[in-house]
Amino acid sequence: MISKAYSALVYSLAVIAGVTLVWLMISVIASVLMRNAGLQPFAWLFTSAEYGLLYMTMLGAPWLVREKGHVHIELVTAALPDGLRRIVSRTVAVACVVVCLILAWKGAELFLTNIERGDFDTRAYYVPRWMLTIAFPISFGLMAVEFARFVFGTDLMHTGEAGIHE
């Protein structure tokens, strides 16, 4: 039950990231068309695109880790024997978990600091800064869980096959 709820969360965040990508396309096209027509694009259009870049990246990252869609190079692992490749792959996954946990912790500190100080992002509108920084602990926390699946699960991050495989 918890596993299904967790998977639903990861996939839901990926869908939100996908919808955000569509919004980014629409907002950029609208901005360009407005400028070409001699109009001033709405301030919220540009701001929403900036925020969208952050949210799209952060919310889609855990799903990318799950699907092995992140960038990694298989050149070295492809040359290793199976046993050593497993050790290297799991060691890399452990390092990724540690880095993600540190970034989740620091992101949580930043989020709490923003709430405590009442910080606002004041570019086009006054937006509470915590609405931006909440993405850090959530995303990096979920990425730590996803990388941990490669540490403790049967699936490895590295396939042992060099080159592009799609």
N, C-alpha and C. Protein backbone atom coordinates (compact mmCIF):
# COMPACT_ATOMS: atom_id res chain seq x y z
N MET A 1 0.82 -1.20 0.00
CA MET A 1 0.00 0.00 0.00
C MET A 1 0.87 1.26 0.00
N ILE A 2 1.85 1.31 0.88
CA ILE A 2 2.73 2.48 0.94
C ILE A 2 3.53 2.59 -0.35
N SER A 3 3.96 1.44 -0.88
CA SER A 3 4.73 1.43 -2.12
C SER A 3 3.91 1.99 -3.28
N LYS A 4 2.64 1.63 -3.36
CA LYS A 4 1.79 2.14 -4.43
C LYS A 4 1.55 3.64 -4.28
N ALA A 5 1.35 4.08 -3.04
CA ALA A 5 1.14 5.51 -2.79
C ALA A 5 2.40 6.29 -3.15
N TYR A 6 3.55 5.74 -2.78
CA TYR A 6 4.81 6.40 -3.10
C TYR A 6 5.00 6.48 -4.62
N SER A 7 4.76 5.37 -5.31
CA SER A 7 4.89 5.37 -6.78
C SER A 7 3.92 6.37 -7.41
N ALA A 8 2.71 6.43 -6.88
CA ALA A 8 1.73 7.39 -7.39
C ALA A 8 2.24 8.82 -7.20
N LEU A 9 2.88 9.09 -6.08
CA LEU A 9 3.44 10.42 -5.83
C LEU A 9 4.53 10.75 -6.86
N VAL A 10 5.46 9.82 -7.07
CA VAL A 10 6.55 10.06 -8.02
C VAL A 10 5.99 10.30 -9.42
N TYR A 11 5.03 9.47 -9.84
CA TYR A 11 4.45 9.65 -11.18
C TYR A 11 3.60 10.91 -11.27
N SER A 12 2.92 11.27 -10.20
CA SER A 12 2.13 12.51 -10.21
C SER A 12 3.03 13.73 -10.35
N LEU A 13 4.14 13.74 -9.64
CA LEU A 13 5.08 14.85 -9.76
C LEU A 13 5.66 14.92 -11.18
N ALA A 14 5.89 13.75 -11.79
CA ALA A 14 6.39 13.73 -13.17
C ALA A 14 5.34 14.30 -14.13
N VAL A 15 4.08 14.00 -13.89
CA VAL A 15 3.00 14.55 -14.73
C VAL A 15 2.95 16.06 -14.57
N ILE A 16 3.06 16.54 -13.34
CA ILE A 16 3.07 17.99 -13.10
C ILE A 16 4.26 18.63 -13.83
N ALA A 17 5.42 17.97 -13.79
CA ALA A 17 6.59 18.48 -14.50
C ALA A 17 6.32 18.52 -16.01
N GLY A 18 5.65 17.50 -16.54
CA GLY A 18 5.31 17.48 -17.96
C GLY A 18 4.35 18.58 -18.34
N VAL A 19 3.34 18.80 -17.51
CA VAL A 19 2.38 19.88 -17.76
C VAL A 19 3.10 21.23 -17.69
N THR A 20 4.03 21.34 -16.77
CA THR A 20 4.81 22.58 -16.64
C THR A 20 5.64 22.82 -17.89
N LEU A 21 6.18 21.76 -18.46
CA LEU A 21 6.95 21.90 -19.71
C LEU A 21 6.06 22.44 -20.83
N VAL A 22 4.84 21.95 -20.91
CA VAL A 22 3.89 22.45 -21.91
C VAL A 22 3.61 23.94 -21.64
N TRP A 23 3.41 24.28 -20.37
CA TRP A 23 3.18 25.69 -20.02
C TRP A 23 4.36 26.56 -20.43
N LEU A 24 5.57 26.07 -20.22
CA LEU A 24 6.76 26.84 -20.61
C LEU A 24 6.74 27.12 -22.11
N MET A 25 6.39 26.12 -22.90
CA MET A 25 6.31 26.30 -24.34
C MET A 25 5.27 27.37 -24.68
N ILE A 26 4.10 27.26 -24.09
CA ILE A 26 3.02 28.22 -24.36
C ILE A 26 3.42 29.63 -23.94
N SER A 27 4.01 29.76 -22.75
CA SER A 27 4.36 31.09 -22.25
C SER A 27 5.45 31.75 -23.09
N VAL A 28 6.42 30.96 -23.56
CA VAL A 28 7.48 31.53 -24.40
C VAL A 28 6.91 31.96 -25.75
N ILE A 29 6.08 31.12 -26.34
CA ILE A 29 5.46 31.47 -27.63
C ILE A 29 4.59 32.72 -27.48
N ALA A 30 3.80 32.77 -26.42
CA ALA A 30 2.94 33.94 -26.19
C ALA A 30 3.78 35.20 -26.01
N SER A 31 4.86 35.09 -25.25
CA SER A 31 5.74 36.25 -25.03
C SER A 31 6.33 36.75 -26.35
N VAL A 32 6.82 35.82 -27.16
CA VAL A 32 7.44 36.20 -28.44
C VAL A 32 6.40 36.83 -29.36
N LEU A 33 5.22 36.23 -29.45
CA LEU A 33 4.17 36.78 -30.29
C LEU A 33 3.76 38.18 -29.83
N MET A 34 3.64 38.36 -28.52
CA MET A 34 3.27 39.69 -28.00
C MET A 34 4.35 40.72 -28.33
N ARG A 35 5.61 40.34 -28.16
CA ARG A 35 6.70 41.28 -28.48
C ARG A 35 6.70 41.63 -29.96
N ASN A 36 6.51 40.61 -30.80
CA ASN A 36 6.49 40.86 -32.26
C ASN A 36 5.30 41.71 -32.67
N ALA A 37 4.24 41.68 -31.90
CA ALA A 37 3.07 42.50 -32.19
C ALA A 37 3.21 43.90 -31.59
N GLY A 38 4.35 44.17 -30.94
CA GLY A 38 4.59 45.48 -30.36
C GLY A 38 3.97 45.65 -28.99
N LEU A 39 3.55 44.57 -28.38
CA LEU A 39 2.94 44.63 -27.05
C LEU A 39 3.97 44.24 -25.98
N GLN A 40 3.70 44.68 -24.78
CA GLN A 40 4.54 44.31 -23.65
C GLN A 40 3.96 43.02 -23.04
N PRO A 41 4.74 41.93 -23.01
CA PRO A 41 4.21 40.70 -22.40
C PRO A 41 3.89 40.92 -20.92
N PHE A 42 2.93 40.18 -20.44
CA PHE A 42 2.53 40.29 -19.04
C PHE A 42 3.70 39.89 -18.14
N ALA A 43 3.86 40.59 -17.04
CA ALA A 43 4.95 40.29 -16.11
C ALA A 43 4.81 38.87 -15.55
N TRP A 44 3.57 38.46 -15.27
CA TRP A 44 3.36 37.13 -14.69
C TRP A 44 3.72 36.02 -15.67
N LEU A 45 3.71 36.33 -16.97
CA LEU A 45 4.05 35.32 -17.97
C LEU A 45 5.53 34.93 -17.84
N PHE A 46 6.38 35.92 -17.74
CA PHE A 46 7.82 35.68 -17.60
C PHE A 46 8.13 35.03 -16.25
N THR A 47 7.49 35.55 -15.20
CA THR A 47 7.74 35.02 -13.86
C THR A 47 7.29 33.56 -13.76
N SER A 48 6.14 33.25 -14.33
CA SER A 48 5.67 31.86 -14.27
C SER A 48 6.60 30.93 -15.04
N ALA A 49 7.22 31.42 -16.10
CA ALA A 49 8.19 30.60 -16.84
C ALA A 49 9.43 30.35 -15.99
N GLU A 50 9.89 31.38 -15.28
CA GLU A 50 11.06 31.20 -14.40
C GLU A 50 10.76 30.17 -13.31
N TYR A 51 9.62 30.33 -12.65
CA TYR A 51 9.25 29.39 -11.59
C TYR A 51 9.03 28.00 -12.18
N GLY A 52 8.45 27.96 -13.38
CA GLY A 52 8.20 26.68 -14.04
C GLY A 52 9.47 25.90 -14.31
N LEU A 53 10.54 26.60 -14.69
CA LEU A 53 11.81 25.92 -14.92
C LEU A 53 12.30 25.22 -13.65
N LEU A 54 12.17 25.90 -12.53
CA LEU A 54 12.59 25.30 -11.26
C LEU A 54 11.71 24.10 -10.91
N TYR A 55 10.40 24.30 -10.93
CA TYR A 55 9.49 23.22 -10.55
C TYR A 55 9.57 22.04 -11.51
N MET A 56 9.67 22.31 -12.80
CA MET A 56 9.76 21.22 -13.77
C MET A 56 10.99 20.36 -13.48
N THR A 57 12.10 21.01 -13.24
CA THR A 57 13.34 20.29 -12.96
C THR A 57 13.25 19.50 -11.67
N MET A 58 12.81 20.16 -10.62
CA MET A 58 12.78 19.51 -9.31
C MET A 58 11.73 18.40 -9.23
N LEU A 59 10.55 18.63 -9.75
CA LEU A 59 9.48 17.64 -9.61
C LEU A 59 9.66 16.44 -10.55
N GLY A 60 10.31 16.65 -11.68
CA GLY A 60 10.53 15.55 -12.61
C GLY A 60 11.76 14.71 -12.30
N ALA A 61 12.67 15.23 -11.49
CA ALA A 61 13.94 14.54 -11.23
C ALA A 61 13.78 13.17 -10.56
N PRO A 62 12.92 13.00 -9.55
CA PRO A 62 12.80 11.65 -8.96
C PRO A 62 12.33 10.60 -9.97
N TRP A 63 11.41 10.96 -10.84
CA TRP A 63 10.95 10.03 -11.86
C TRP A 63 12.08 9.70 -12.83
N LEU A 64 12.88 10.72 -13.19
CA LEU A 64 14.01 10.49 -14.08
C LEU A 64 15.00 9.50 -13.48
N VAL A 65 15.25 9.62 -12.18
CA VAL A 65 16.14 8.67 -11.52
C VAL A 65 15.53 7.28 -11.59
N ARG A 66 14.25 7.17 -11.29
CA ARG A 66 13.57 5.86 -11.31
C ARG A 66 13.69 5.21 -12.69
N GLU A 67 13.54 5.99 -13.74
CA GLU A 67 13.55 5.46 -15.11
C GLU A 67 14.95 5.41 -15.72
N LYS A 68 15.96 5.71 -14.92
CA LYS A 68 17.36 5.77 -15.39
C LYS A 68 17.49 6.76 -16.54
N GLY A 69 16.76 7.85 -16.45
CA GLY A 69 16.78 8.86 -17.49
C GLY A 69 17.80 9.94 -17.24
N HIS A 70 18.48 9.89 -16.11
CA HIS A 70 19.51 10.87 -15.82
C HIS A 70 20.77 10.53 -16.62
N VAL A 71 21.63 11.49 -16.76
CA VAL A 71 22.84 11.30 -17.56
C VAL A 71 23.88 10.55 -16.74
N HIS A 72 24.36 9.47 -17.29
CA HIS A 72 25.51 8.77 -16.73
C HIS A 72 26.24 8.07 -17.87
N ILE A 73 27.51 7.84 -17.66
CA ILE A 73 28.35 7.29 -18.71
C ILE A 73 28.65 5.83 -18.39
N GLU A 74 28.37 4.96 -19.36
CA GLU A 74 28.55 3.51 -19.18
C GLU A 74 29.89 3.01 -19.72
N LEU A 75 30.73 3.91 -20.21
CA LEU A 75 31.97 3.49 -20.84
C LEU A 75 32.83 2.66 -19.89
N VAL A 76 32.98 3.11 -18.66
CA VAL A 76 33.82 2.40 -17.69
C VAL A 76 33.11 1.14 -17.20
N THR A 77 31.83 1.26 -16.84
CA THR A 77 31.12 0.09 -16.30
C THR A 77 30.95 -1.00 -17.34
N ALA A 78 30.91 -0.65 -18.62
CA ALA A 78 30.78 -1.66 -19.68
C ALA A 78 32.04 -2.52 -19.77
N ALA A 79 33.17 -1.97 -19.37
CA ALA A 79 34.44 -2.70 -19.46
C ALA A 79 34.70 -3.57 -18.23
N LEU A 80 33.87 -3.43 -17.20
CA LEU A 80 34.09 -4.17 -15.96
C LEU A 80 33.39 -5.53 -15.98
N PRO A 81 33.97 -6.51 -15.29
CA PRO A 81 33.25 -7.78 -15.15
C PRO A 81 32.01 -7.58 -14.28
N ASP A 82 31.02 -8.48 -14.42
CA ASP A 82 29.74 -8.34 -13.74
C ASP A 82 29.86 -8.05 -12.24
N GLY A 83 30.66 -8.80 -11.53
CA GLY A 83 30.78 -8.63 -10.08
C GLY A 83 31.30 -7.25 -9.71
N LEU A 84 32.33 -6.82 -10.38
CA LEU A 84 32.91 -5.50 -10.10
C LEU A 84 31.96 -4.39 -10.55
N ARG A 85 31.26 -4.60 -11.66
CA ARG A 85 30.28 -3.61 -12.14
C ARG A 85 29.19 -3.41 -11.10
N ARG A 86 28.74 -4.49 -10.48
CA ARG A 86 27.72 -4.40 -9.43
C ARG A 86 28.22 -3.56 -8.26
N ILE A 87 29.45 -3.80 -7.86
CA ILE A 87 30.04 -3.05 -6.73
C ILE A 87 30.16 -1.58 -7.08
N VAL A 88 30.69 -1.29 -8.27
CA VAL A 88 30.86 0.11 -8.70
C VAL A 88 29.50 0.79 -8.80
N SER A 89 28.53 0.12 -9.41
CA SER A 89 27.21 0.71 -9.59
C SER A 89 26.55 1.02 -8.24
N ARG A 90 26.62 0.09 -7.32
CA ARG A 90 26.02 0.32 -6.00
C ARG A 90 26.77 1.39 -5.22
N THR A 91 28.09 1.45 -5.40
CA THR A 91 28.88 2.50 -4.73
C THR A 91 28.51 3.88 -5.26
N VAL A 92 28.35 3.98 -6.57
CA VAL A 92 27.92 5.25 -7.17
C VAL A 92 26.53 5.61 -6.65
N ALA A 93 25.64 4.63 -6.55
CA ALA A 93 24.28 4.89 -6.05
C ALA A 93 24.33 5.36 -4.59
N VAL A 94 25.21 4.77 -3.78
CA VAL A 94 25.36 5.21 -2.38
C VAL A 94 25.81 6.67 -2.34
N ALA A 95 26.79 7.02 -3.19
CA ALA A 95 27.26 8.41 -3.24
C ALA A 95 26.12 9.34 -3.64
N CYS A 96 25.29 8.91 -4.59
CA CYS A 96 24.15 9.73 -5.00
C CYS A 96 23.15 9.91 -3.87
N VAL A 97 22.92 8.85 -3.09
CA VAL A 97 22.01 8.94 -1.94
C VAL A 97 22.55 9.95 -0.94
N VAL A 98 23.85 9.86 -0.64
CA VAL A 98 24.45 10.77 0.34
C VAL A 98 24.34 12.22 -0.13
N VAL A 99 24.68 12.48 -1.39
CA VAL A 99 24.59 13.85 -1.93
C VAL A 99 23.16 14.35 -1.88
N CYS A 100 22.20 13.51 -2.28
CA CYS A 100 20.79 13.93 -2.28
C CYS A 100 20.30 14.20 -0.86
N LEU A 101 20.71 13.38 0.11
CA LEU A 101 20.30 13.62 1.50
C LEU A 101 20.87 14.93 2.03
N ILE A 102 22.11 15.22 1.69
CA ILE A 102 22.71 16.50 2.11
C ILE A 102 21.95 17.67 1.49
N LEU A 103 21.65 17.56 0.20
CA LEU A 103 20.93 18.64 -0.47
C LEU A 103 19.49 18.76 0.04
N ALA A 104 18.87 17.64 0.38
CA ALA A 104 17.52 17.68 0.97
C ALA A 104 17.57 18.37 2.33
N TRP A 105 18.58 18.05 3.12
CA TRP A 105 18.74 18.67 4.44
C TRP A 105 18.95 20.17 4.31
N LYS A 106 19.86 20.56 3.44
CA LYS A 106 20.14 21.99 3.24
C LYS A 106 18.92 22.70 2.64
N GLY A 107 18.21 22.02 1.76
CA GLY A 107 16.99 22.59 1.19
C GLY A 107 15.92 22.79 2.25
N ALA A 108 15.82 21.83 3.17
CA ALA A 108 14.86 21.97 4.28
C ALA A 108 15.25 23.14 5.18
N GLU A 109 16.55 23.29 5.43
CA GLU A 109 17.01 24.44 6.23
C GLU A 109 16.66 25.75 5.54
N LEU A 110 16.89 25.82 4.24
CA LEU A 110 16.57 27.03 3.47
C LEU A 110 15.08 27.31 3.51
N PHE A 111 14.27 26.29 3.30
CA PHE A 111 12.81 26.41 3.34
C PHE A 111 12.36 26.95 4.70
N LEU A 112 12.87 26.37 5.78
CA LEU A 112 12.48 26.82 7.13
C LEU A 112 12.97 28.23 7.42
N THR A 113 14.16 28.57 6.90
CA THR A 113 14.67 29.94 7.07
C THR A 113 13.77 30.93 6.33
N ASN A 114 13.34 30.57 5.14
CA ASN A 114 12.43 31.45 4.38
C ASN A 114 11.13 31.67 5.13
N ILE A 115 10.61 30.64 5.76
CA ILE A 115 9.37 30.78 6.53
C ILE A 115 9.61 31.64 7.76
N GLU A 116 10.69 31.35 8.47
CA GLU A 116 11.02 32.09 9.70
C GLU A 116 11.20 33.58 9.44
N ARG A 117 11.90 33.92 8.37
CA ARG A 117 12.16 35.32 8.05
C ARG A 117 11.01 36.00 7.31
N GLY A 118 10.11 35.20 6.76
CA GLY A 118 9.05 35.77 5.96
C GLY A 118 9.57 36.34 4.65
N ASP A 119 10.57 35.66 4.05
CA ASP A 119 11.18 36.13 2.81
C ASP A 119 10.19 36.10 1.65
N PHE A 120 10.34 37.09 0.77
CA PHE A 120 9.53 37.16 -0.44
C PHE A 120 10.43 37.29 -1.65
N ASP A 121 10.00 36.70 -2.76
CA ASP A 121 10.62 36.92 -4.05
C ASP A 121 9.89 38.12 -4.64
N THR A 122 10.63 39.18 -4.96
CA THR A 122 9.97 40.45 -5.31
C THR A 122 10.26 40.91 -6.73
N ARG A 123 10.33 39.99 -7.67
CA ARG A 123 10.59 40.42 -9.05
C ARG A 123 9.36 41.07 -9.65
N ALA A 124 8.40 40.30 -10.10
CA ALA A 124 7.20 40.88 -10.70
C ALA A 124 6.09 41.02 -9.66
N TYR A 125 6.03 40.06 -8.76
CA TYR A 125 5.00 40.03 -7.72
C TYR A 125 5.67 39.62 -6.41
N TYR A 126 4.98 39.84 -5.32
CA TYR A 126 5.47 39.40 -4.03
C TYR A 126 5.01 37.95 -3.81
N VAL A 127 5.95 37.03 -3.94
CA VAL A 127 5.66 35.60 -3.77
C VAL A 127 6.48 35.12 -2.59
N PRO A 128 5.84 34.45 -1.63
CA PRO A 128 6.63 33.91 -0.52
C PRO A 128 7.72 32.98 -1.05
N ARG A 129 8.94 33.23 -0.64
CA ARG A 129 10.06 32.46 -1.16
C ARG A 129 9.98 30.98 -0.81
N TRP A 130 9.32 30.65 0.29
CA TRP A 130 9.21 29.24 0.67
C TRP A 130 8.47 28.43 -0.40
N MET A 131 7.62 29.12 -1.19
CA MET A 131 6.91 28.41 -2.26
C MET A 131 7.88 27.92 -3.33
N LEU A 132 9.02 28.53 -3.44
CA LEU A 132 10.06 28.08 -4.36
C LEU A 132 10.95 27.04 -3.71
N THR A 133 11.38 27.30 -2.49
CA THR A 133 12.38 26.44 -1.86
C THR A 133 11.81 25.14 -1.30
N ILE A 134 10.50 25.02 -1.21
CA ILE A 134 9.90 23.76 -0.74
C ILE A 134 10.22 22.63 -1.72
N ALA A 135 10.48 22.97 -2.97
CA ALA A 135 10.78 21.96 -3.98
C ALA A 135 12.10 21.24 -3.69
N PHE A 136 13.05 21.91 -3.04
CA PHE A 136 14.36 21.29 -2.81
C PHE A 136 14.31 20.08 -1.88
N PRO A 137 13.79 20.22 -0.65
CA PRO A 137 13.78 19.02 0.21
C PRO A 137 12.89 17.90 -0.33
N ILE A 138 11.79 18.26 -0.95
CA ILE A 138 10.91 17.23 -1.51
C ILE A 138 11.62 16.47 -2.62
N SER A 139 12.15 17.20 -3.58
CA SER A 139 12.78 16.57 -4.74
C SER A 139 14.02 15.77 -4.37
N PHE A 140 14.91 16.38 -3.62
CA PHE A 140 16.14 15.67 -3.27
C PHE A 140 15.87 14.52 -2.31
N GLY A 141 14.87 14.65 -1.44
CA GLY A 141 14.49 13.54 -0.58
C GLY A 141 13.98 12.36 -1.39
N LEU A 142 13.12 12.63 -2.36
CA LEU A 142 12.60 11.57 -3.22
C LEU A 142 13.70 10.97 -4.10
N MET A 143 14.62 11.81 -4.56
CA MET A 143 15.73 11.28 -5.36
C MET A 143 16.61 10.37 -4.51
N ALA A 144 16.80 10.72 -3.24
CA ALA A 144 17.58 9.84 -2.35
C ALA A 144 16.91 8.47 -2.23
N VAL A 145 15.58 8.46 -2.11
CA VAL A 145 14.86 7.19 -2.04
C VAL A 145 15.04 6.41 -3.34
N GLU A 146 14.93 7.10 -4.47
CA GLU A 146 15.06 6.43 -5.77
C GLU A 146 16.47 5.86 -5.98
N PHE A 147 17.49 6.63 -5.60
CA PHE A 147 18.85 6.10 -5.71
C PHE A 147 19.06 4.94 -4.74
N ALA A 148 18.43 5.00 -3.56
CA ALA A 148 18.54 3.91 -2.59
C ALA A 148 17.96 2.62 -3.15
N ARG A 149 17.00 2.72 -4.02
CA ARG A 149 16.45 1.52 -4.67
C ARG A 149 17.52 0.81 -5.49
N PHE A 150 18.47 1.57 -6.05
CA PHE A 150 19.58 0.96 -6.80
C PHE A 150 20.64 0.41 -5.85
N VAL A 151 20.69 0.91 -4.63
CA VAL A 151 21.64 0.39 -3.65
C VAL A 151 21.14 -0.95 -3.11
N PHE A 152 19.87 -1.01 -2.73
CA PHE A 152 19.34 -2.18 -2.03
C PHE A 152 18.50 -3.11 -2.89
N GLY A 153 18.07 -2.64 -4.06
CA GLY A 153 17.21 -3.46 -4.92
C GLY A 153 17.99 -4.39 -5.82
N THR A 154 17.27 -5.12 -6.64
CA THR A 154 17.92 -6.05 -7.57
C THR A 154 18.39 -5.34 -8.84
N ASP A 155 17.76 -4.23 -9.18
CA ASP A 155 18.11 -3.48 -10.38
C ASP A 155 19.33 -2.60 -10.10
N LEU A 156 20.21 -2.52 -11.10
CA LEU A 156 21.39 -1.66 -10.99
C LEU A 156 21.18 -0.40 -11.82
N MET A 157 21.89 0.66 -11.42
CA MET A 157 21.84 1.90 -12.20
C MET A 157 22.53 1.72 -13.55
N HIS A 158 23.60 0.97 -13.56
CA HIS A 158 24.41 0.81 -14.76
C HIS A 158 24.11 -0.52 -15.42
N THR A 159 23.87 -0.48 -16.73
CA THR A 159 23.52 -1.70 -17.45
C THR A 159 24.75 -2.48 -17.90
N GLY A 160 25.89 -1.80 -18.00
CA GLY A 160 27.09 -2.45 -18.50
C GLY A 160 27.18 -2.40 -20.01
N GLU A 161 26.31 -1.63 -20.63
CA GLU A 161 26.31 -1.50 -22.09
C GLU A 161 26.69 -0.07 -22.45
N ALA A 162 27.80 0.09 -23.12
CA ALA A 162 28.25 1.42 -23.56
C ALA A 162 27.45 1.84 -24.78
N GLY A 163 27.30 3.13 -24.95
CA GLY A 163 26.62 3.67 -26.14
C GLY A 163 25.21 4.14 -25.82
N ILE A 164 24.51 4.51 -26.85
CA ILE A 164 23.15 5.03 -26.71
C ILE A 164 22.17 3.89 -26.93
N HIS A 165 21.31 3.67 -25.95
CA HIS A 165 20.31 2.60 -26.04
C HIS A 165 18.94 3.18 -25.76
N GLU A 166 18.11 3.24 -26.76
CA GLU A 166 16.76 3.78 -26.57
C GLU A 166 15.75 2.88 -27.24
